[in-house]
Amino acid sequence: MKKYMVVGGSTGIGLEITKMLAEKGHSVVVLSRSVGGLAVGGRLAHEPFDAMAAPPSFPKLDGPLDGLAYCPGSINLKPFHRLKPEEFEQDFALNVTGWVRVLQQYLPNLKKSPQASVVAFSTVAVAQGMTFHASVAASKGAVESLARSLAAEWAPGIRVNVVAPSLTDTPLAEKLLNTDAKRQNSAERHPLKRVGTPRDLAEAAVFLLEPTSSWMTGQVLHVDGGMSSVRAL
C-alpha cells in the first residue's frame, strides 16, 4: 500500500483519481475546499484547503508521500481583447503558483519515498492553437514547462509528468456541455467522436502515479480523443 495526495480530489477528475487509488488499496489524503463526493473514512482522509488562499493553510503530513496529483484548474474562455490582465494572473495563480506552493510544502515528504511521482494537468490547447484559450493555454503551458524542469531536477527520485486532456465532462465544463446540441458539437470535433469522461483522465493519471510507469518522467500524456494529433479526411 502506498500513500498519495490528491489536491482538488473531491470533484471531477480529482474525485475519480481518489476513488481509483482507494479502490486499489492505497492510502489517500485529499486537499480541497469541500468534501464534495468523497466517502471519507478508512484509508481516505480529507483536509480543507484552498489553493487560492493568500497564503494557503497547509495540513501537516508526516512520513513519506509516494505520489501527488494537482487537479485544480480553470476554463476561462474569452476573446483576447476581453481578457483583463487580472484574469491571466488568476489563471496563473491557480494553475501554476498553487502547484508550486503545494510542491514546495510537501517536497520533503516526496523525498522520503523510494520513488515518488507527481502528476499535474494541462490542456490540449497548449499543443493546438485554439480560439478564446489565450489565458488558460498560457498558464497550462507554464505547467508543462515547469513539469519538464522539475523532472530533470528531481530525477531519479521523483518523477514528474502531465496529463493534457481535451474537453471533459466535469462540473468545470458544465456550461460548455449543458445542452444536447453543445454536447453533440463538442463530440464531433474529436476524431473519437465523444467528449472525455473523468474516468478517462483518471486512468491516465493513476497510471502515471503508480510504479507501472516507473520509466516515464518529463512527459505530457495527451488524453484528448485524438484532438492533438489526428485529422480525419
Protein backbone atom coordinates (compact mmCIF):
# COMPACT_ATOMS: atom_id res chain seq x y z
CA MET A 1 0.00 0.00 0.00
CA LYS A 2 1.26 3.46 -0.93
CA LYS A 3 0.28 6.92 0.23
CA TYR A 4 -0.96 9.53 -2.22
CA MET A 5 -2.17 13.12 -2.04
CA VAL A 6 -4.79 14.46 -4.44
CA VAL A 7 -5.22 18.24 -4.42
CA GLY A 8 -8.69 19.06 -5.70
CA GLY A 9 -9.71 15.45 -5.21
CA SER A 10 -13.33 15.90 -4.18
CA THR A 11 -14.90 16.64 -7.57
CA GLY A 12 -14.47 15.93 -11.28
CA ILE A 13 -11.27 14.25 -12.42
CA GLY A 14 -9.67 14.59 -8.99
CA LEU A 15 -12.53 12.70 -7.36
CA GLU A 16 -12.19 9.90 -9.89
CA ILE A 17 -8.44 9.68 -9.22
CA THR A 18 -9.14 9.49 -5.50
CA LYS A 19 -11.69 6.72 -5.94
CA MET A 20 -9.40 4.68 -8.17
CA LEU A 21 -6.45 4.94 -5.80
CA ALA A 22 -8.63 3.98 -2.84
CA GLU A 23 -10.10 1.03 -4.77
CA LYS A 24 -6.56 -0.20 -5.37
CA GLY A 25 -5.96 -0.24 -1.61
CA HIS A 26 -3.81 2.87 -1.35
CA SER A 27 -3.99 5.49 1.39
CA VAL A 28 -5.22 8.83 0.01
CA VAL A 29 -5.20 12.32 1.53
CA VAL A 30 -7.44 14.78 -0.31
CA LEU A 31 -6.88 18.53 -0.07
CA SER A 32 -9.88 20.52 -1.27
CA ARG A 33 -12.27 23.28 -0.27
CA SER A 34 -15.13 20.84 0.45
CA VAL A 35 -15.70 17.13 0.97
CA GLY A 36 -17.75 17.01 -2.23
CA GLY A 37 -18.42 13.45 -3.35
CA LEU A 38 -15.87 11.84 -1.03
CA ALA A 39 -16.71 8.93 1.26
CA VAL A 40 -14.22 9.84 3.98
CA GLY A 41 -13.00 7.11 6.29
CA GLY A 42 -10.62 4.18 6.43
CA ARG A 43 -7.73 4.86 4.05
CA LEU A 44 -9.33 8.06 2.73
CA ALA A 45 -8.81 11.35 4.59
CA HIS A 46 -9.88 14.89 3.75
CA GLU A 47 -8.22 18.16 4.76
CA PRO A 48 -9.74 21.59 3.99
CA PHE A 49 -7.55 23.51 1.56
CA ASP A 50 -7.89 26.42 -0.84
CA ALA A 51 -5.09 26.82 -3.39
CA MET A 52 -6.11 30.46 -3.96
CA ALA A 53 -5.92 31.50 -0.31
CA ALA A 54 -3.23 34.05 0.48
CA PRO A 55 -1.32 32.32 1.88
CA PRO A 56 -2.88 28.82 1.85
CA SER A 57 -3.03 26.84 5.07
CA PHE A 58 -1.25 23.52 4.60
CA PRO A 59 -2.22 20.45 6.61
CA LYS A 60 0.72 18.78 8.33
CA LEU A 61 1.78 15.48 6.81
CA ASP A 62 4.18 13.05 8.46
CA GLY A 63 6.20 10.35 6.73
CA PRO A 64 6.74 9.56 3.07
CA LEU A 65 4.42 10.53 0.25
CA ASP A 66 4.55 8.24 -2.78
CA GLY A 67 2.66 10.46 -5.16
CA LEU A 68 0.89 13.79 -5.57
CA ALA A 69 -1.72 14.82 -8.13
CA TYR A 70 -2.57 18.51 -8.53
CA CYS A 71 -6.01 18.79 -10.12
CA PRO A 72 -7.32 22.38 -9.69
CA GLY A 73 -7.91 24.11 -12.99
CA SER A 74 -9.90 26.73 -14.85
CA ILE A 75 -11.76 27.13 -18.12
CA ASN A 76 -11.71 30.86 -18.76
CA LEU A 77 -12.63 31.16 -22.43
CA LYS A 78 -12.87 34.65 -23.87
CA PRO A 79 -11.62 36.60 -26.89
CA PHE A 80 -8.21 38.05 -26.11
CA HIS A 81 -9.45 41.67 -26.22
CA ARG A 82 -11.95 40.90 -23.45
CA LEU A 83 -9.43 39.28 -21.12
CA LYS A 84 -8.17 41.53 -18.36
CA PRO A 85 -4.58 41.18 -17.13
CA GLU A 86 -6.04 40.23 -13.76
CA GLU A 87 -7.66 37.18 -15.33
CA PHE A 88 -4.32 35.99 -16.69
CA GLU A 89 -2.90 36.46 -13.19
CA GLN A 90 -5.75 34.50 -11.59
CA ASP A 91 -5.38 31.58 -14.01
CA PHE A 92 -1.62 31.54 -13.43
CA ALA A 93 -2.10 31.69 -9.64
CA LEU A 94 -4.44 28.70 -9.65
CA ASN A 95 -2.68 26.52 -12.21
CA VAL A 96 0.97 27.32 -11.56
CA THR A 97 1.58 29.20 -8.32
CA GLY A 98 -0.80 26.96 -6.38
CA TRP A 99 1.01 23.88 -7.67
CA VAL A 100 4.38 25.40 -6.82
CA ARG A 101 3.28 26.09 -3.25
CA VAL A 102 1.96 22.56 -2.78
CA LEU A 103 5.13 21.00 -4.18
CA GLN A 104 7.41 23.13 -2.02
CA GLN A 105 5.36 22.28 1.06
CA TYR A 106 5.34 18.52 0.53
CA LEU A 107 8.68 18.02 -1.25
CA PRO A 108 10.28 16.70 1.97
CA ASN A 109 7.59 14.02 2.14
CA LEU A 110 8.05 13.09 -1.52
CA LYS A 111 11.80 12.77 -0.97
CA LYS A 112 11.17 10.21 1.77
CA SER A 113 9.61 7.80 -0.72
CA PRO A 114 11.91 5.34 -2.60
CA GLN A 115 10.42 6.72 -5.82
CA ALA A 116 7.65 9.28 -5.79
CA SER A 117 5.52 10.52 -8.67
CA VAL A 118 3.94 13.91 -9.33
CA VAL A 119 1.13 14.50 -11.84
CA ALA A 120 -0.38 17.79 -12.98
CA PHE A 121 -2.93 18.71 -15.64
CA SER A 122 -2.54 20.77 -18.78
CA THR A 123 -4.86 21.15 -21.79
CA VAL A 124 -4.90 20.22 -25.46
CA ALA A 125 -4.94 23.97 -26.15
CA VAL A 126 -1.21 24.17 -25.33
CA ALA A 127 -0.32 21.90 -28.26
CA GLN A 128 -3.07 23.21 -30.54
CA GLY A 129 -3.77 26.88 -31.14
CA MET A 130 -7.43 27.28 -30.19
CA THR A 131 -9.55 30.42 -30.22
CA PHE A 132 -10.54 32.00 -26.89
CA HIS A 133 -7.96 29.91 -24.95
CA ALA A 134 -5.26 32.58 -24.52
CA SER A 135 -5.34 32.74 -20.72
CA VAL A 136 -5.75 29.06 -19.91
CA ALA A 137 -3.24 27.99 -22.57
CA ALA A 138 -0.66 30.45 -21.24
CA SER A 139 -0.90 29.12 -17.68
CA LYS A 140 -1.08 25.47 -18.68
CA GLY A 141 1.90 25.95 -20.99
CA ALA A 142 3.79 27.06 -17.90
CA VAL A 143 2.64 23.88 -16.14
CA GLU A 144 4.17 21.74 -18.89
CA SER A 145 7.45 23.67 -18.85
CA LEU A 146 7.69 23.54 -15.07
CA ALA A 147 6.99 19.80 -15.10
CA ARG A 148 9.88 19.14 -17.50
CA SER A 149 12.23 21.31 -15.45
CA LEU A 150 11.31 19.53 -12.22
CA ALA A 151 11.54 16.12 -13.88
CA ALA A 152 15.16 16.92 -14.75
CA GLU A 153 15.98 18.43 -11.36
CA TRP A 154 14.37 15.70 -9.25
CA ALA A 155 15.42 12.60 -11.19
CA PRO A 156 15.84 9.81 -10.35
CA GLY A 157 13.99 10.00 -7.05
CA ILE A 158 10.83 11.87 -8.08
CA ARG A 159 9.09 11.52 -11.44
CA VAL A 160 7.03 14.42 -12.82
CA ASN A 161 4.51 14.04 -15.64
CA VAL A 162 1.49 15.87 -17.06
CA VAL A 163 -1.87 14.78 -18.45
CA ALA A 164 -3.26 17.05 -21.19
CA PRO A 165 -6.97 16.48 -21.80
CA SER A 166 -9.42 17.92 -24.24
CA LEU A 167 -12.95 18.83 -23.13
CA THR A 168 -14.03 16.51 -20.32
CA ASP A 169 -17.48 16.03 -18.81
CA THR A 170 -16.86 17.55 -15.37
CA PRO A 171 -18.61 20.23 -13.28
CA LEU A 172 -15.96 22.69 -14.51
CA ALA A 173 -17.14 22.18 -18.11
CA GLU A 174 -20.85 22.20 -17.32
CA LYS A 175 -21.61 25.42 -19.23
CA LEU A 176 -19.95 24.01 -22.34
CA LEU A 177 -21.98 20.80 -22.28
CA ASN A 178 -25.33 21.83 -20.82
CA THR A 179 -27.43 21.11 -23.92
CA ASP A 180 -27.66 18.13 -26.26
CA ALA A 181 -26.58 20.34 -29.16
CA LYS A 182 -23.45 21.58 -27.36
CA ARG A 183 -22.55 18.05 -26.32
CA GLN A 184 -23.00 16.71 -29.84
CA ASN A 185 -21.00 19.54 -31.42
CA SER A 186 -18.19 19.03 -28.92
CA ALA A 187 -18.14 15.30 -29.58
CA GLU A 188 -17.97 15.81 -33.35
CA ARG A 189 -14.85 17.98 -33.03
CA HIS A 190 -12.90 14.97 -31.75
CA PRO A 191 -11.70 12.14 -34.00
CA LEU A 192 -13.11 9.63 -31.48
CA LYS A 193 -16.49 11.43 -31.61
CA ARG A 194 -17.09 11.92 -27.91
CA VAL A 195 -16.01 14.15 -25.08
CA GLY A 196 -13.83 12.78 -22.32
CA THR A 197 -15.04 11.36 -19.05
CA PRO A 198 -13.41 11.83 -15.64
CA ARG A 199 -12.57 8.12 -15.72
CA ASP A 200 -10.65 8.54 -19.00
CA LEU A 201 -8.37 11.10 -17.39
CA ALA A 202 -8.15 9.37 -14.02
CA GLU A 203 -6.95 6.15 -15.65
CA ALA A 204 -4.04 8.07 -17.20
CA ALA A 205 -3.20 9.96 -14.01
CA VAL A 206 -3.24 6.84 -11.84
CA PHE A 207 -1.02 5.06 -14.36
CA LEU A 208 1.50 7.91 -14.05
CA LEU A 209 1.26 7.94 -10.25
CA GLU A 210 1.83 4.21 -9.78
CA PRO A 211 5.08 2.27 -10.35
CA THR A 212 3.70 0.81 -13.61
CA SER A 213 5.02 4.00 -15.26
CA SER A 214 8.36 3.90 -13.46
CA TRP A 215 10.36 4.60 -16.66
CA MET A 216 8.42 7.74 -17.56
CA THR A 217 9.22 11.27 -16.48
CA GLY A 218 9.02 14.71 -18.06
CA GLN A 219 6.20 13.55 -20.33
CA VAL A 220 2.95 15.17 -21.43
CA LEU A 221 0.38 12.44 -21.96
CA HIS A 222 -2.31 13.58 -24.38
CA VAL A 223 -5.67 12.05 -23.44
CA ASP A 224 -7.81 14.10 -25.78
CA GLY A 225 -9.84 11.90 -28.12
CA GLY A 226 -7.22 12.38 -30.82
CA MET A 227 -7.65 16.15 -30.91
CA SER A 228 -3.93 16.98 -30.70
CA SER A 229 -2.63 14.54 -33.31
CA VAL A 230 -5.32 13.16 -35.63
CA ARG A 231 -7.11 14.79 -38.53
CA ALA A 232 -9.95 12.89 -40.18
CA LEU A 233 -10.04 13.11 -44.00
